[in-house]
């Protein structure tokens, strides 16, 4: 089975314990953003709150990832 490697960046607000920000993750070819979030052990119920940018553009959970993609994860923060 072919694999792709994506680099993941995130702030401390996004609770990822599996890797450090800036590290790469290996996924099956054809994996989407949702599969990446699962690999990072982000709970299904939390996925809808994570804002994902791939190559500098906002993408949805079904966006197919490509080898060497740069992925940034954010959580929207509000206050007043």
C-alpha atoms as a PDB file:
ATOM      1  CA  UNK A   1       0.000   0.000   0.000  1.00  0.00           C
ATOM      2  CA  UNK A   2       1.342   3.433  -0.949  1.00  0.00           C
ATOM      3  CA  UNK A   3       1.932   6.020   1.749  1.00  0.00           C
ATOM      4  CA  UNK A   4       2.023   9.800   1.828  1.00  0.00           C
ATOM      5  CA  UNK A   5       3.790  12.024   4.317  1.00  0.00           C
ATOM      6  CA  UNK A   6       2.279  15.316   5.513  1.00  0.00           C
ATOM      7  CA  UNK A   7       3.781  17.882   7.878  1.00  0.00           C
ATOM      8  CA  UNK A   8       1.454  19.088  10.620  1.00  0.00           C
ATOM      9  CA  UNK A   9       1.666  22.419  12.454  1.00  0.00           C
ATOM     10  CA  UNK A  10      -0.617  23.429  15.334  1.00  0.00           C
ATOM     11  CA  UNK A  11      -0.812  25.708  18.334  1.00  0.00           C
ATOM     12  CA  UNK A  12      -0.916  24.536  21.939  1.00  0.00           C
ATOM     13  CA  UNK A  13      -4.678  25.074  21.956  1.00  0.00           C
ATOM     14  CA  UNK A  14      -5.081  22.049  19.665  1.00  0.00           C
ATOM     15  CA  UNK A  15      -4.575  19.072  21.972  1.00  0.00           C
ATOM     16  CA  UNK A  16      -2.300  16.726  19.986  1.00  0.00           C
ATOM     17  CA  UNK A  17      -0.114  14.452  22.091  1.00  0.00           C
ATOM     18  CA  UNK A  18       0.997  12.010  19.388  1.00  0.00           C
ATOM     19  CA  UNK A  19       3.456  14.373  17.629  1.00  0.00           C
ATOM     20  CA  UNK A  20       5.031  17.776  18.143  1.00  0.00           C
ATOM     21  CA  UNK A  21       4.077  20.681  15.902  1.00  0.00           C
ATOM     22  CA  UNK A  22       6.183  20.646  12.735  1.00  0.00           C
ATOM     23  CA  UNK A  23       6.573  16.866  12.624  1.00  0.00           C
ATOM     24  CA  UNK A  24       5.452  14.650   9.765  1.00  0.00           C
ATOM     25  CA  UNK A  25       2.812  11.934   9.764  1.00  0.00           C
ATOM     26  CA  UNK A  26       2.654   8.968   7.393  1.00  0.00           C
ATOM     27  CA  UNK A  27      -0.805   8.122   6.027  1.00  0.00           C
ATOM     28  CA  UNK A  28      -2.197   5.753   3.374  1.00  0.00           C
ATOM     29  CA  UNK A  29      -2.337   7.289  -0.110  1.00  0.00           C
ATOM     30  CA  UNK A  30      -5.784   8.837  -0.672  1.00  0.00           C
ATOM     31  CA  UNK A  31      -6.210   9.785   2.999  1.00  0.00           C
ATOM     32  CA  UNK A  32      -8.330  12.833   3.736  1.00  0.00           C
ATOM     33  CA  UNK A  33      -8.181  15.453   6.485  1.00  0.00           C
ATOM     34  CA  UNK A  34     -10.559  13.428   8.661  1.00  0.00           C
ATOM     35  CA  UNK A  35      -8.171  10.430   8.505  1.00  0.00           C
ATOM     36  CA  UNK A  36      -5.292  12.707   9.533  1.00  0.00           C
ATOM     37  CA  UNK A  37      -7.244  13.982  12.537  1.00  0.00           C
ATOM     38  CA  UNK A  38      -8.058  10.389  13.511  1.00  0.00           C
ATOM     39  CA  UNK A  39      -4.363   9.463  13.225  1.00  0.00           C
ATOM     40  CA  UNK A  40      -3.601  12.386  15.565  1.00  0.00           C
ATOM     41  CA  UNK A  41      -6.186  10.942  18.006  1.00  0.00           C
ATOM     42  CA  UNK A  42      -8.540  13.921  17.785  1.00  0.00           C
ATOM     43  CA  UNK A  43     -11.960  12.685  18.892  1.00  0.00           C
ATOM     44  CA  UNK A  44     -14.715  12.443  16.247  1.00  0.00           C
ATOM     45  CA  UNK A  45     -16.892  14.814  18.272  1.00  0.00           C
ATOM     46  CA  UNK A  46     -14.136  17.467  18.227  1.00  0.00           C
ATOM     47  CA  UNK A  47     -13.238  17.285  14.520  1.00  0.00           C
ATOM     48  CA  UNK A  48     -15.965  19.730  13.501  1.00  0.00           C
ATOM     49  CA  UNK A  49     -14.342  22.455  15.617  1.00  0.00           C
ATOM     50  CA  UNK A  50     -10.842  22.170  14.138  1.00  0.00           C
ATOM     51  CA  UNK A  51     -10.044  24.641  11.342  1.00  0.00           C
ATOM     52  CA  UNK A  52      -7.689  23.037   8.822  1.00  0.00           C
ATOM     53  CA  UNK A  53      -5.485  24.793   6.278  1.00  0.00           C
ATOM     54  CA  UNK A  54      -3.656  22.763   3.634  1.00  0.00           C
ATOM     55  CA  UNK A  55      -1.067  24.674   1.652  1.00  0.00           C
ATOM     56  CA  UNK A  56      -2.382  27.937   3.094  1.00  0.00           C
ATOM     57  CA  UNK A  57      -6.019  27.351   2.077  1.00  0.00           C
ATOM     58  CA  UNK A  58      -8.898  26.404   4.364  1.00  0.00           C
ATOM     59  CA  UNK A  59     -10.118  22.868   3.653  1.00  0.00           C
ATOM     60  CA  UNK A  60     -12.883  20.573   4.888  1.00  0.00           C
ATOM     61  CA  UNK A  61     -12.646  17.143   6.467  1.00  0.00           C
ATOM     62  CA  UNK A  62     -13.114  15.377   3.118  1.00  0.00           C
ATOM     63  CA  UNK A  63     -10.182  17.148   1.416  1.00  0.00           C
ATOM     64  CA  UNK A  64      -7.770  14.546  -0.014  1.00  0.00           C
ATOM     65  CA  UNK A  65      -4.197  15.018   1.157  1.00  0.00           C
ATOM     66  CA  UNK A  66      -1.160  14.701  -1.092  1.00  0.00           C
ATOM     67  CA  UNK A  67       2.414  13.716  -0.373  1.00  0.00           C
ATOM     68  CA  UNK A  68       4.403  16.578   1.211  1.00  0.00           C
ATOM     69  CA  UNK A  69       1.319  18.683   2.057  1.00  0.00           C
ATOM     70  CA  UNK A  70       1.750  21.271   4.828  1.00  0.00           C
ATOM     71  CA  UNK A  71      -1.236  21.124   7.200  1.00  0.00           C
ATOM     72  CA  UNK A  72      -2.019  23.712   9.884  1.00  0.00           C
ATOM     73  CA  UNK A  73      -4.578  23.056  12.612  1.00  0.00           C
ATOM     74  CA  UNK A  74      -6.365  25.810  14.532  1.00  0.00           C
ATOM     75  CA  UNK A  75      -9.181  26.096  17.031  1.00  0.00           C
ATOM     76  CA  UNK A  76     -11.295  29.216  16.746  1.00  0.00           C
ATOM     77  CA  UNK A  77     -11.165  31.247  19.929  1.00  0.00           C
ATOM     78  CA  UNK A  78     -13.743  33.824  20.903  1.00  0.00           C
ATOM     79  CA  UNK A  79     -14.104  36.156  23.777  1.00  0.00           C
ATOM     80  CA  UNK A  80     -15.057  39.578  24.689  1.00  0.00           C
END
